[in-house]
Amino acid sequence: MSTDLFIKGMTYGWNSSRGSYRQPYAKESLQELRATGSEWIALSFYTFQNNVYSTEIPFDYGYTMTDRDIEHAVKEAKALGLKVCLKPVVNSKDGIWRAHIGFPEESGAEPYWDEWFRSYGNFLSHYAELAEELGCEMFCVGCEMVKTEAKHEHWIRLIERIRGIYSGPIVYNANHGSEERIKWFDHVDLIGTSAYYPVANKPGDSEEAMIANWLPVREKMASLHAKFGKPIIFMEIGCRSALGCATMPWDFTHTELPVSEGEQANFYSSVLKAFWDAPWFAGFFWWDWSVKLYDKEEAHLNVGFDIYGKKAEQVLKAWYAKPAREGLIGEEIEA
C-alpha cells in the first residue's frame, strides 16, 4: 500500500447500546464529527466471549450491534462523505482486558488455540463480508490482542481467510509497547497501534515536553516501517480532558480527576506536530467520538475522551484543515 495514504480519522460507535446507531442523535453526532474535518471513521463495536479462556465467541442479541445497526451507521457516514474502517472487537465478559485472551503456553494448549482462532475467524469473516457488501474502505482484523500475537501461523492463516472475503486494505491494531514483538505485520496492509504513550512528565505538562517524549516513539515507528515496509497508523490515539491524563492516556477510570482541557489539547497538538509530516505515517483514528454527545454548553465539565466543544477540537480542526504532510514541523523534531 502506498504511504501517500493519509487518514484524518476519528473512532465512532464504541460502547453504544444496540439500536443507538439508528437514533436521531447518532446522525447529529456524525454531522458534528464531520465538522471537525475528519474524513474517516473507525466504526468500532464489540461482542463478548465469556472469559479470557473461552474458545467460543457468541452473538448475543441483547447487546451486540446487529447488521442493521452497522449498515445504517455506514450508510449515514458515507452520506456525509466519510470513509469507513469497520472495526469489530472481542472483549471478555469477566472484565479482564482483551490483551489477556488466550491459553497457557504449556503442553496441550494448542487445541484450545485452534478452537479459539476458528471461532474468531468465523466472527471476523461475518463482518468482513459485511464490510465488503457495504463498501467499507478498510477492515481491522484485531485490536490489542496481545497474548494471541505470538501465534504467528494462526494469524497468517486468519488474514489469508479474510482476504478471500474482503478486497480492501487490512489493518491490525496493536497495543503501544507491543508493536515490535509482532512478526506477521508483513501480511497486513497497514500497521496500526493504540498510541496511548505516556508523554507527559507531570500533570498539566507543556506541549514542548510532550513533543520531546514523542520523539523516541517516532523513531520506533520509523524503524517498524523500515522493517516491514508498511504505513504506520495510530488506530487509537487520545487522552481524556482531565488533569494528569497525558501521563496515562489510556485511562478511563479516574473520573474524579479535575477537568483540564489544556492538557488534552497539548496532547493532541504535540502528537500532530510530531507525526504529521512523516512520509511513512498514515494518520489518526482519535479515541473517541460518542454516538450521543453531551450538550456543548457542558463541554467544560466533561472529563471524557470526547473533544466536542473543547480546546482539543479546535486544535484538531486547524490541523485537519491542512493538506496532509504540510504541517508545522519544527527542526527540533525532524527525523
C-alpha atoms as a PDB file:
ATOM      1  CA  MET A   1       0.000   0.000   0.000  1.00  0.00           C
ATOM      2  CA  SER A   2       1.250   3.465  -0.842  1.00  0.00           C
ATOM      3  CA  THR A   3       2.433   5.634   2.026  1.00  0.00           C
ATOM      4  CA  ASP A   4       0.686   8.525   0.262  1.00  0.00           C
ATOM      5  CA  LEU A   5      -2.436   7.474   2.165  1.00  0.00           C
ATOM      6  CA  PHE A   6      -3.176   9.888   4.998  1.00  0.00           C
ATOM      7  CA  ILE A   7      -6.188   9.350   7.211  1.00  0.00           C
ATOM      8  CA  LYS A   8      -7.846  12.204   9.038  1.00  0.00           C
ATOM      9  CA  GLY A   9     -10.000   9.976  11.183  1.00  0.00           C
ATOM     10  CA  MET A  10     -11.986   9.557  14.374  1.00  0.00           C
ATOM     11  CA  THR A  11     -13.272   6.479  16.196  1.00  0.00           C
ATOM     12  CA  TYR A  12     -17.060   6.374  16.355  1.00  0.00           C
ATOM     13  CA  GLY A  13     -19.578   3.921  17.734  1.00  0.00           C
ATOM     14  CA  TRP A  14     -17.785   2.471  20.755  1.00  0.00           C
ATOM     15  CA  ASN A  15     -19.608   1.433  23.905  1.00  0.00           C
ATOM     16  CA  SER A  16     -23.013   2.091  22.401  1.00  0.00           C
ATOM     17  CA  SER A  17     -26.152   0.091  23.060  1.00  0.00           C
ATOM     18  CA  ARG A  18     -27.782  -1.965  20.339  1.00  0.00           C
ATOM     19  CA  GLY A  19     -30.022   0.251  18.237  1.00  0.00           C
ATOM     20  CA  SER A  20     -28.312   3.500  19.166  1.00  0.00           C
ATOM     21  CA  TYR A  21     -26.668   3.919  15.742  1.00  0.00           C
ATOM     22  CA  ARG A  22     -30.158   4.343  14.288  1.00  0.00           C
ATOM     23  CA  GLN A  23     -31.286   7.125  16.611  1.00  0.00           C
ATOM     24  CA  PRO A  24     -31.604  10.783  15.526  1.00  0.00           C
ATOM     25  CA  TYR A  25     -28.897  11.809  17.993  1.00  0.00           C
ATOM     26  CA  ALA A  26     -26.452   9.464  16.235  1.00  0.00           C
ATOM     27  CA  LYS A  27     -26.978  11.283  12.937  1.00  0.00           C
ATOM     28  CA  GLU A  28     -26.445  14.628  14.662  1.00  0.00           C
ATOM     29  CA  SER A  29     -23.261  13.298  16.268  1.00  0.00           C
ATOM     30  CA  LEU A  30     -21.877  12.154  12.909  1.00  0.00           C
ATOM     31  CA  GLN A  31     -22.566  15.588  11.460  1.00  0.00           C
ATOM     32  CA  GLU A  32     -20.607  17.221  14.277  1.00  0.00           C
ATOM     33  CA  LEU A  33     -17.808  14.683  13.766  1.00  0.00           C
ATOM     34  CA  ARG A  34     -17.634  15.550  10.074  1.00  0.00           C
ATOM     35  CA  ALA A  35     -17.444  19.237  11.005  1.00  0.00           C
ATOM     36  CA  THR A  36     -14.062  18.597  12.669  1.00  0.00           C
ATOM     37  CA  GLY A  37     -12.593  17.985   9.215  1.00  0.00           C
ATOM     38  CA  SER A  38     -12.498  14.240   9.760  1.00  0.00           C
ATOM     39  CA  GLU A  39     -12.617  12.258   6.523  1.00  0.00           C
ATOM     40  CA  TRP A  40     -12.778   8.759   8.031  1.00  0.00           C
ATOM     41  CA  ILE A  41     -14.385   6.955  10.918  1.00  0.00           C
ATOM     42  CA  ALA A  42     -13.347   3.713  12.534  1.00  0.00           C
ATOM     43  CA  LEU A  43     -16.751   2.199  13.265  1.00  0.00           C
ATOM     44  CA  SER A  44     -15.835   0.257  16.369  1.00  0.00           C
ATOM     45  CA  PHE A  45     -18.142  -2.130  18.223  1.00  0.00           C
ATOM     46  CA  TYR A  46     -17.716  -5.259  20.298  1.00  0.00           C
ATOM     47  CA  THR A  47     -19.095  -8.545  21.430  1.00  0.00           C
ATOM     48  CA  PHE A  48     -18.089 -10.663  24.419  1.00  0.00           C
ATOM     49  CA  GLN A  49     -16.612 -14.068  24.961  1.00  0.00           C
ATOM     50  CA  ASN A  50     -17.449 -15.427  28.415  1.00  0.00           C
ATOM     51  CA  ASN A  51     -13.924 -15.190  29.836  1.00  0.00           C
ATOM     52  CA  VAL A  52     -10.345 -14.895  28.627  1.00  0.00           C
ATOM     53  CA  TYR A  53     -10.043 -18.708  28.379  1.00  0.00           C
ATOM     54  CA  SER A  54     -13.201 -19.246  26.324  1.00  0.00           C
ATOM     55  CA  THR A  55     -12.869 -20.776  22.879  1.00  0.00           C
ATOM     56  CA  GLU A  56     -16.258 -19.607  21.578  1.00  0.00           C
ATOM     57  CA  ILE A  57     -17.293 -16.094  20.566  1.00  0.00           C
ATOM     58  CA  PRO A  58     -21.105 -15.968  20.554  1.00  0.00           C
ATOM     59  CA  PHE A  59     -23.526 -13.404  19.180  1.00  0.00           C
ATOM     60  CA  ASP A  60     -25.830 -12.040  21.860  1.00  0.00           C
ATOM     61  CA  TYR A  61     -28.807 -10.106  20.527  1.00  0.00           C
ATOM     62  CA  GLY A  62     -29.096  -8.364  23.875  1.00  0.00           C
ATOM     63  CA  TYR A  63     -26.012  -6.202  23.438  1.00  0.00           C
ATOM     64  CA  THR A  64     -24.099  -6.940  20.210  1.00  0.00           C
ATOM     65  CA  MET A  65     -24.689  -4.476  17.374  1.00  0.00           C
ATOM     66  CA  THR A  66     -26.819  -6.028  14.680  1.00  0.00           C
ATOM     67  CA  ASP A  67     -26.004  -5.942  10.982  1.00  0.00           C
ATOM     68  CA  ARG A  68     -28.884  -3.472  10.589  1.00  0.00           C
ATOM     69  CA  ASP A  69     -27.216  -1.166  13.095  1.00  0.00           C
ATOM     70  CA  ILE A  70     -23.894  -1.352  11.293  1.00  0.00           C
ATOM     71  CA  GLU A  71     -25.398  -0.952   7.834  1.00  0.00           C
ATOM     72  CA  HIS A  72     -27.287   2.129   8.985  1.00  0.00           C
ATOM     73  CA  ALA A  73     -24.169   3.724  10.522  1.00  0.00           C
ATOM     74  CA  VAL A  74     -22.043   3.022   7.438  1.00  0.00           C
ATOM     75  CA  LYS A  75     -24.653   4.496   5.098  1.00  0.00           C
ATOM     76  CA  GLU A  76     -25.080   7.596   7.279  1.00  0.00           C
ATOM     77  CA  ALA A  77     -21.317   8.090   7.359  1.00  0.00           C
ATOM     78  CA  LYS A  78     -20.984   7.685   3.610  1.00  0.00           C
ATOM     79  CA  ALA A  79     -23.831  10.131   3.032  1.00  0.00           C
ATOM     80  CA  LEU A  80     -21.662  12.704   4.822  1.00  0.00           C
ATOM     81  CA  GLY A  81     -18.665  11.847   2.641  1.00  0.00           C
ATOM     82  CA  LEU A  82     -16.869   9.865   5.335  1.00  0.00           C
ATOM     83  CA  LYS A  83     -14.881   6.725   4.592  1.00  0.00           C
ATOM     84  CA  VAL A  84     -15.241   3.790   6.961  1.00  0.00           C
ATOM     85  CA  CYS A  85     -12.868   1.353   8.603  1.00  0.00           C
ATOM     86  CA  LEU A  86     -15.014  -1.412  10.080  1.00  0.00           C
ATOM     87  CA  LYS A  87     -13.524  -2.453  13.410  1.00  0.00           C
ATOM     88  CA  PRO A  88     -15.181  -5.420  15.180  1.00  0.00           C
ATOM     89  CA  VAL A  89     -13.677  -6.160  18.603  1.00  0.00           C
ATOM     90  CA  VAL A  90     -13.924  -9.047  21.063  1.00  0.00           C
ATOM     91  CA  ASN A  91     -13.955  -8.270  24.786  1.00  0.00           C
ATOM     92  CA  SER A  92     -14.087 -10.622  27.747  1.00  0.00           C
ATOM     93  CA  LYS A  93     -17.247 -10.702  29.857  1.00  0.00           C
ATOM     94  CA  ASP A  94     -15.207 -11.339  33.020  1.00  0.00           C
ATOM     95  CA  GLY A  95     -13.912  -7.759  32.779  1.00  0.00           C
ATOM     96  CA  ILE A  96     -10.314  -8.750  32.038  1.00  0.00           C
ATOM     97  CA  TRP A  97      -8.703  -6.749  29.238  1.00  0.00           C
ATOM     98  CA  ARG A  98      -8.808  -8.458  25.841  1.00  0.00           C
ATOM     99  CA  ALA A  99      -4.995  -8.477  25.728  1.00  0.00           C
ATOM    100  CA  HIS A 100      -5.167 -11.492  28.077  1.00  0.00           C
ATOM    101  CA  ILE A 101      -7.415 -13.611  25.865  1.00  0.00           C
ATOM    102  CA  GLY A 102      -5.509 -16.836  25.308  1.00  0.00           C
ATOM    103  CA  PHE A 103      -4.233 -20.021  26.866  1.00  0.00           C
ATOM    104  CA  PRO A 104      -1.200 -21.026  28.950  1.00  0.00           C
ATOM    105  CA  GLU A 105       1.783 -21.925  26.806  1.00  0.00           C
ATOM    106  CA  GLU A 106       2.136 -25.484  28.016  1.00  0.00           C
ATOM    107  CA  SER A 107       1.615 -28.964  26.649  1.00  0.00           C
ATOM    108  CA  GLY A 108      -1.941 -29.440  25.459  1.00  0.00           C
ATOM    109  CA  ALA A 109      -2.742 -25.763  24.860  1.00  0.00           C
ATOM    110  CA  GLU A 110      -2.639 -25.886  21.054  1.00  0.00           C
ATOM    111  CA  PRO A 111      -6.117 -27.422  20.547  1.00  0.00           C
ATOM    112  CA  TYR A 112      -7.585 -24.538  22.538  1.00  0.00           C
ATOM    113  CA  TRP A 113      -5.780 -22.051  20.336  1.00  0.00           C
ATOM    114  CA  ASP A 114      -7.077 -23.849  17.255  1.00  0.00           C
ATOM    115  CA  GLU A 115     -10.634 -23.672  18.569  1.00  0.00           C
ATOM    116  CA  TRP A 116     -10.366 -20.010  19.501  1.00  0.00           C
ATOM    117  CA  PHE A 117      -8.930 -18.957  16.153  1.00  0.00           C
ATOM    118  CA  ARG A 118     -11.646 -20.979  14.400  1.00  0.00           C
ATOM    119  CA  SER A 119     -14.334 -19.088  16.322  1.00  0.00           C
ATOM    120  CA  TYR A 120     -12.586 -15.736  15.973  1.00  0.00           C
ATOM    121  CA  GLY A 121     -12.160 -16.388  12.267  1.00  0.00           C
ATOM    122  CA  ASN A 122     -15.897 -17.007  11.946  1.00  0.00           C
ATOM    123  CA  PHE A 123     -16.600 -13.804  13.882  1.00  0.00           C
ATOM    124  CA  LEU A 124     -14.293 -11.745  11.669  1.00  0.00           C
ATOM    125  CA  SER A 125     -15.468 -13.376   8.449  1.00  0.00           C
ATOM    126  CA  HIS A 126     -19.048 -12.327   9.136  1.00  0.00           C
ATOM    127  CA  TYR A 127     -18.019  -8.674   9.455  1.00  0.00           C
ATOM    128  CA  ALA A 128     -15.513  -8.850   6.593  1.00  0.00           C
ATOM    129  CA  GLU A 129     -18.377  -9.969   4.366  1.00  0.00           C
ATOM    130  CA  LEU A 130     -20.484  -7.093   5.654  1.00  0.00           C
ATOM    131  CA  ALA A 131     -17.604  -4.637   5.091  1.00  0.00           C
ATOM    132  CA  GLU A 132     -17.287  -5.865   1.500  1.00  0.00           C
ATOM    133  CA  GLU A 133     -21.016  -5.579   0.826  1.00  0.00           C
ATOM    134  CA  LEU A 134     -21.218  -2.073   2.314  1.00  0.00           C
ATOM    135  CA  GLY A 135     -18.105  -0.823   0.535  1.00  0.00           C
ATOM    136  CA  CYS A 136     -16.123  -0.088   3.697  1.00  0.00           C
ATOM    137  CA  GLU A 137     -12.748   1.315   2.713  1.00  0.00           C
ATOM    138  CA  MET A 138     -10.747  -0.565   5.367  1.00  0.00           C
ATOM    139  CA  PHE A 139     -11.114  -3.535   7.718  1.00  0.00           C
ATOM    140  CA  CYS A 140      -9.460  -4.085  11.085  1.00  0.00           C
ATOM    141  CA  VAL A 141      -8.721  -7.719  11.948  1.00  0.00           C
ATOM    142  CA  GLY A 142      -7.953  -7.278  15.636  1.00  0.00           C
ATOM    143  CA  CYS A 143      -7.426  -4.833  18.477  1.00  0.00           C
ATOM    144  CA  GLU A 144      -4.889  -5.111  21.306  1.00  0.00           C
ATOM    145  CA  MET A 145      -4.986  -8.915  21.377  1.00  0.00           C
ATOM    146  CA  VAL A 146      -1.513  -9.127  22.848  1.00  0.00           C
ATOM    147  CA  LYS A 147      -1.486 -12.708  24.080  1.00  0.00           C
ATOM    148  CA  THR A 148      -2.660 -14.050  20.710  1.00  0.00           C
ATOM    149  CA  GLU A 149       0.001 -12.219  18.703  1.00  0.00           C
ATOM    150  CA  ALA A 150       2.696 -14.848  19.245  1.00  0.00           C
ATOM    151  CA  LYS A 151       0.564 -17.363  17.313  1.00  0.00           C
ATOM    152  CA  HIS A 152       2.277 -16.432  14.080  1.00  0.00           C
ATOM    153  CA  GLU A 153       0.897 -19.112  11.761  1.00  0.00           C
ATOM    154  CA  HIS A 154      -2.628 -18.778  13.129  1.00  0.00           C
ATOM    155  CA  TRP A 155      -2.654 -15.071  12.313  1.00  0.00           C
ATOM    156  CA  ILE A 156      -1.268 -15.594   8.819  1.00  0.00           C
ATOM    157  CA  ARG A 157      -3.978 -18.139   8.031  1.00  0.00           C
ATOM    158  CA  LEU A 158      -6.632 -15.884   9.516  1.00  0.00           C
ATOM    159  CA  ILE A 159      -5.565 -12.895   7.425  1.00  0.00           C
ATOM    160  CA  GLU A 160      -5.490 -15.047   4.286  1.00  0.00           C
ATOM    161  CA  ARG A 161      -9.029 -16.183   5.076  1.00  0.00           C
ATOM    162  CA  ILE A 162     -10.212 -12.587   5.442  1.00  0.00           C
ATOM    163  CA  ARG A 163      -8.547 -11.590   2.167  1.00  0.00           C
ATOM    164  CA  GLY A 164     -10.673 -14.230   0.464  1.00  0.00           C
ATOM    165  CA  ILE A 165     -13.762 -12.317   1.622  1.00  0.00           C
ATOM    166  CA  TYR A 166     -12.776  -8.651   1.811  1.00  0.00           C
ATOM    167  CA  SER A 167     -10.968  -6.942  -1.059  1.00  0.00           C
ATOM    168  CA  GLY A 168      -9.891  -3.715   0.644  1.00  0.00           C
ATOM    169  CA  PRO A 169      -6.904  -2.851   2.831  1.00  0.00           C
ATOM    170  CA  ILE A 170      -6.483  -4.701   6.121  1.00  0.00           C
ATOM    171  CA  VAL A 171      -5.038  -3.288   9.328  1.00  0.00           C
ATOM    172  CA  TYR A 172      -4.209  -4.785  12.715  1.00  0.00           C
ATOM    173  CA  ASN A 173      -4.401  -2.620  15.856  1.00  0.00           C
ATOM    174  CA  ALA A 174      -1.529  -3.496  18.210  1.00  0.00           C
ATOM    175  CA  ASN A 175      -1.131  -2.003  21.669  1.00  0.00           C
ATOM    176  CA  HIS A 176       1.509   0.600  22.458  1.00  0.00           C
ATOM    177  CA  GLY A 177       4.670  -1.139  23.526  1.00  0.00           C
ATOM    178  CA  SER A 178       3.870  -4.474  21.878  1.00  0.00           C
ATOM    179  CA  GLU A 179       4.302  -3.468  18.220  1.00  0.00           C
ATOM    180  CA  GLU A 180       7.884  -4.677  17.877  1.00  0.00           C
ATOM    181  CA  ARG A 181       7.081  -8.210  19.042  1.00  0.00           C
ATOM    182  CA  ILE A 182       4.675  -8.923  16.170  1.00  0.00           C
ATOM    183  CA  LYS A 183       6.337 -10.914  13.376  1.00  0.00           C
ATOM    184  CA  TRP A 184       3.477 -11.099  10.878  1.00  0.00           C
ATOM    185  CA  PHE A 185       2.991  -7.407  10.078  1.00  0.00           C
ATOM    186  CA  ASP A 186       4.147  -8.113   6.527  1.00  0.00           C
ATOM    187  CA  HIS A 187       0.765  -9.801   5.976  1.00  0.00           C
ATOM    188  CA  VAL A 188      -1.356  -6.693   6.652  1.00  0.00           C
ATOM    189  CA  ASP A 189      -1.561  -3.521   4.580  1.00  0.00           C
ATOM    190  CA  LEU A 190      -1.145  -1.055   7.431  1.00  0.00           C
ATOM    191  CA  ILE A 191       0.483  -1.411  10.835  1.00  0.00           C
ATOM    192  CA  GLY A 192      -1.829   0.043  13.438  1.00  0.00           C
ATOM    193  CA  THR A 193      -1.302   0.730  17.106  1.00  0.00           C
ATOM    194  CA  SER A 194      -3.119   2.186  20.084  1.00  0.00           C
ATOM    195  CA  ALA A 195      -0.683   5.022  20.706  1.00  0.00           C
ATOM    196  CA  TYR A 196      -1.511   5.723  24.335  1.00  0.00           C
ATOM    197  CA  TYR A 197       2.071   6.594  25.111  1.00  0.00           C
ATOM    198  CA  PRO A 198       2.535   8.465  28.426  1.00  0.00           C
ATOM    199  CA  VAL A 199       4.197  11.572  27.005  1.00  0.00           C
ATOM    200  CA  ALA A 200       3.595  13.977  29.894  1.00  0.00           C
ATOM    201  CA  ASN A 201       6.134  14.017  32.709  1.00  0.00           C
ATOM    202  CA  LYS A 202       3.661  15.505  35.154  1.00  0.00           C
ATOM    203  CA  PRO A 203       0.014  16.620  35.290  1.00  0.00           C
ATOM    204  CA  GLY A 204      -0.525  19.771  33.245  1.00  0.00           C
ATOM    205  CA  ASP A 205       2.740  19.344  31.325  1.00  0.00           C
ATOM    206  CA  SER A 206       3.617  21.576  28.393  1.00  0.00           C
ATOM    207  CA  GLU A 207       3.278  20.816  24.705  1.00  0.00           C
ATOM    208  CA  GLU A 208       7.054  21.112  24.342  1.00  0.00           C
ATOM    209  CA  ALA A 209       7.671  18.447  26.977  1.00  0.00           C
ATOM    210  CA  MET A 210       5.199  16.120  25.278  1.00  0.00           C
ATOM    211  CA  ILE A 211       6.835  16.652  21.877  1.00  0.00           C
ATOM    212  CA  ALA A 212      10.192  15.675  23.382  1.00  0.00           C
ATOM    213  CA  ASN A 213       8.662  12.424  24.625  1.00  0.00           C
ATOM    214  CA  TRP A 214       7.046  11.692  21.256  1.00  0.00           C
ATOM    215  CA  LEU A 215      10.464  11.704  19.533  1.00  0.00           C
ATOM    216  CA  PRO A 216      11.584   8.220  20.657  1.00  0.00           C
ATOM    217  CA  VAL A 217       8.129   6.922  19.760  1.00  0.00           C
ATOM    218  CA  ARG A 218       8.527   8.445  16.309  1.00  0.00           C
ATOM    219  CA  GLU A 219      11.918   6.752  15.928  1.00  0.00           C
ATOM    220  CA  LYS A 220      10.435   3.415  16.951  1.00  0.00           C
ATOM    221  CA  MET A 221       7.577   3.764  14.471  1.00  0.00           C
ATOM    222  CA  ALA A 222      10.011   4.728  11.704  1.00  0.00           C
ATOM    223  CA  SER A 223      12.017   1.573  12.433  1.00  0.00           C
ATOM    224  CA  LEU A 224       8.868  -0.526  12.345  1.00  0.00           C
ATOM    225  CA  HIS A 225       8.006   0.898   8.945  1.00  0.00           C
ATOM    226  CA  ALA A 226      11.543   0.258   7.698  1.00  0.00           C
ATOM    227  CA  LYS A 227      11.370  -3.366   8.851  1.00  0.00           C
ATOM    228  CA  PHE A 228       8.069  -4.256   7.173  1.00  0.00           C
ATOM    229  CA  GLY A 229       7.632  -1.564   4.515  1.00  0.00           C
ATOM    230  CA  LYS A 230       4.085  -0.803   5.688  1.00  0.00           C
ATOM    231  CA  PRO A 231       2.491   2.544   6.541  1.00  0.00           C
ATOM    232  CA  ILE A 232       2.040   3.199  10.262  1.00  0.00           C
ATOM    233  CA  ILE A 233      -1.317   4.421  11.551  1.00  0.00           C
ATOM    234  CA  PHE A 234      -2.480   5.313  15.032  1.00  0.00           C
ATOM    235  CA  MET A 235      -5.657   3.228  15.110  1.00  0.00           C
ATOM    236  CA  GLU A 236      -6.346   4.661  18.567  1.00  0.00           C
ATOM    237  CA  ILE A 237      -4.865   7.840  19.996  1.00  0.00           C
ATOM    238  CA  GLY A 238      -6.113  10.388  22.513  1.00  0.00           C
ATOM    239  CA  CYS A 239      -6.483  11.223  26.166  1.00  0.00           C
ATOM    240  CA  ARG A 240      -9.226  12.500  28.425  1.00  0.00           C
ATOM    241  CA  SER A 241      -9.677  16.176  29.292  1.00  0.00           C
ATOM    242  CA  ALA A 242      -8.636  15.585  32.891  1.00  0.00           C
ATOM    243  CA  LEU A 243      -5.567  16.697  34.816  1.00  0.00           C
ATOM    244  CA  GLY A 244      -2.831  14.096  34.630  1.00  0.00           C
ATOM    245  CA  CYS A 245      -4.325  12.067  31.793  1.00  0.00           C
ATOM    246  CA  ALA A 246      -1.452  12.746  29.406  1.00  0.00           C
ATOM    247  CA  THR A 247       0.690  10.770  31.889  1.00  0.00           C
ATOM    248  CA  MET A 248      -1.708   7.837  31.368  1.00  0.00           C
ATOM    249  CA  PRO A 249      -3.612   8.462  28.130  1.00  0.00           C
ATOM    250  CA  TRP A 250      -5.288   5.044  28.213  1.00  0.00           C
ATOM    251  CA  ASP A 251      -7.051   5.817  31.498  1.00  0.00           C
ATOM    252  CA  PHE A 252     -10.839   5.830  31.615  1.00  0.00           C
ATOM    253  CA  THR A 253     -11.319   5.006  35.303  1.00  0.00           C
ATOM    254  CA  HIS A 254     -10.125   8.046  37.248  1.00  0.00           C
ATOM    255  CA  THR A 255     -13.242  10.124  36.742  1.00  0.00           C
ATOM    256  CA  GLU A 256     -12.527  12.042  39.955  1.00  0.00           C
ATOM    257  CA  LEU A 257      -9.657  13.953  38.332  1.00  0.00           C
ATOM    258  CA  PRO A 258     -10.338  17.652  37.683  1.00  0.00           C
ATOM    259  CA  VAL A 259     -11.074  18.948  34.213  1.00  0.00           C
ATOM    260  CA  SER A 260      -8.108  20.012  32.097  1.00  0.00           C
ATOM    261  CA  GLU A 261      -8.965  20.951  28.546  1.00  0.00           C
ATOM    262  CA  GLY A 262      -5.458  22.343  28.202  1.00  0.00           C
ATOM    263  CA  GLU A 263      -3.700  19.061  28.912  1.00  0.00           C
ATOM    264  CA  GLN A 264      -5.865  17.241  26.379  1.00  0.00           C
ATOM    265  CA  ALA A 265      -5.234  19.994  23.820  1.00  0.00           C
ATOM    266  CA  ASN A 266      -1.466  19.803  24.413  1.00  0.00           C
ATOM    267  CA  PHE A 267      -1.557  16.041  23.902  1.00  0.00           C
ATOM    268  CA  TYR A 268      -3.363  16.495  20.585  1.00  0.00           C
ATOM    269  CA  SER A 269      -1.132  19.307  19.386  1.00  0.00           C
ATOM    270  CA  SER A 270       2.107  17.570  20.372  1.00  0.00           C
ATOM    271  CA  VAL A 271       1.430  14.328  18.507  1.00  0.00           C
ATOM    272  CA  LEU A 272       0.089  16.151  15.462  1.00  0.00           C
ATOM    273  CA  LYS A 273       3.275  18.208  15.273  1.00  0.00           C
ATOM    274  CA  ALA A 274       5.481  15.175  15.819  1.00  0.00           C
ATOM    275  CA  PHE A 275       3.932  12.863  13.205  1.00  0.00           C
ATOM    276  CA  TRP A 276       2.020  14.857  10.599  1.00  0.00           C
ATOM    277  CA  ASP A 277       4.802  15.132   8.041  1.00  0.00           C
ATOM    278  CA  ALA A 278       6.434  11.718   8.477  1.00  0.00           C
ATOM    279  CA  PRO A 279       6.293  10.179   4.964  1.00  0.00           C
ATOM    280  CA  TRP A 280       5.650   6.668   6.371  1.00  0.00           C
ATOM    281  CA  PHE A 281       2.844   7.811   8.665  1.00  0.00           C
ATOM    282  CA  ALA A 282      -0.735   7.149   7.515  1.00  0.00           C
ATOM    283  CA  GLY A 283      -2.749   9.166  10.012  1.00  0.00           C
ATOM    284  CA  PHE A 284      -5.006   9.025  13.036  1.00  0.00           C
ATOM    285  CA  PHE A 285      -8.204   7.498  14.341  1.00  0.00           C
ATOM    286  CA  TRP A 286      -8.702   9.533  17.536  1.00  0.00           C
ATOM    287  CA  TRP A 287     -10.340   7.932  20.540  1.00  0.00           C
ATOM    288  CA  ASP A 288     -13.178   8.689  20.501  1.00  0.00           C
ATOM    289  CA  TRP A 289     -16.399  10.401  19.442  1.00  0.00           C
ATOM    290  CA  SER A 290     -19.604   9.378  21.175  1.00  0.00           C
ATOM    291  CA  VAL A 291     -22.753   8.347  19.323  1.00  0.00           C
ATOM    292  CA  LYS A 292     -24.739  10.510  21.752  1.00  0.00           C
ATOM    293  CA  LEU A 293     -22.969  13.760  22.541  1.00  0.00           C
ATOM    294  CA  TYR A 294     -23.301  15.827  25.686  1.00  0.00           C
ATOM    295  CA  ASP A 295     -24.701  19.361  25.371  1.00  0.00           C
ATOM    296  CA  LYS A 296     -21.990  21.639  24.030  1.00  0.00           C
ATOM    297  CA  GLU A 297     -22.559  24.016  26.944  1.00  0.00           C
ATOM    298  CA  GLU A 298     -21.432  21.203  29.267  1.00  0.00           C
ATOM    299  CA  ALA A 299     -18.141  20.519  27.458  1.00  0.00           C
ATOM    300  CA  HIS A 300     -16.164  22.406  30.095  1.00  0.00           C
ATOM    301  CA  LEU A 301     -17.420  19.939  32.718  1.00  0.00           C
ATOM    302  CA  ASN A 302     -16.710  16.777  30.747  1.00  0.00           C
ATOM    303  CA  VAL A 303     -13.629  14.686  31.625  1.00  0.00           C
ATOM    304  CA  GLY A 304     -14.044  12.064  28.893  1.00  0.00           C
ATOM    305  CA  PHE A 305     -12.142  11.344  25.687  1.00  0.00           C
ATOM    306  CA  ASP A 306     -14.606  13.303  23.549  1.00  0.00           C
ATOM    307  CA  ILE A 307     -13.304  16.620  22.235  1.00  0.00           C
ATOM    308  CA  TYR A 308     -16.679  18.054  21.178  1.00  0.00           C
ATOM    309  CA  GLY A 309     -16.796  21.693  22.257  1.00  0.00           C
ATOM    310  CA  LYS A 310     -13.336  21.527  23.878  1.00  0.00           C
ATOM    311  CA  LYS A 311      -9.985  23.158  23.137  1.00  0.00           C
ATOM    312  CA  ALA A 312      -8.699  19.949  21.549  1.00  0.00           C
ATOM    313  CA  GLU A 313     -11.481  20.130  18.969  1.00  0.00           C
ATOM    314  CA  GLN A 314     -10.185  23.497  17.797  1.00  0.00           C
ATOM    315  CA  VAL A 315      -6.650  22.085  17.618  1.00  0.00           C
ATOM    316  CA  LEU A 316      -7.817  19.160  15.512  1.00  0.00           C
ATOM    317  CA  LYS A 317      -9.959  21.312  13.234  1.00  0.00           C
ATOM    318  CA  ALA A 318      -6.972  23.528  12.459  1.00  0.00           C
ATOM    319  CA  TRP A 319      -4.782  20.547  11.587  1.00  0.00           C
ATOM    320  CA  TYR A 320      -7.420  18.630   9.673  1.00  0.00           C
ATOM    321  CA  ALA A 321      -7.967  21.744   7.538  1.00  0.00           C
ATOM    322  CA  LYS A 322      -4.365  21.432   6.304  1.00  0.00           C
ATOM    323  CA  PRO A 323      -3.266  19.318   3.349  1.00  0.00           C
ATOM    324  CA  ALA A 324      -1.633  16.124   4.534  1.00  0.00           C
ATOM    325  CA  ARG A 325       2.145  16.333   5.058  1.00  0.00           C
ATOM    326  CA  GLU A 326       2.204  20.103   5.177  1.00  0.00           C
ATOM    327  CA  GLY A 327       2.039  20.552   8.928  1.00  0.00           C
ATOM    328  CA  LEU A 328       4.119  22.902  11.048  1.00  0.00           C
ATOM    329  CA  ILE A 329       7.027  20.633  11.927  1.00  0.00           C
ATOM    330  CA  GLY A 330       9.902  22.354  13.689  1.00  0.00           C
ATOM    331  CA  GLU A 331      13.527  21.472  13.024  1.00  0.00           C
ATOM    332  CA  GLU A 332      13.804  20.031  16.512  1.00  0.00           C
ATOM    333  CA  ILE A 333      11.515  17.147  15.592  1.00  0.00           C
ATOM    334  CA  GLU A 334      12.719  16.345  12.122  1.00  0.00           C
ATOM    335  CA  ALA A 335      13.686  12.679  11.640  1.00  0.00           C
END
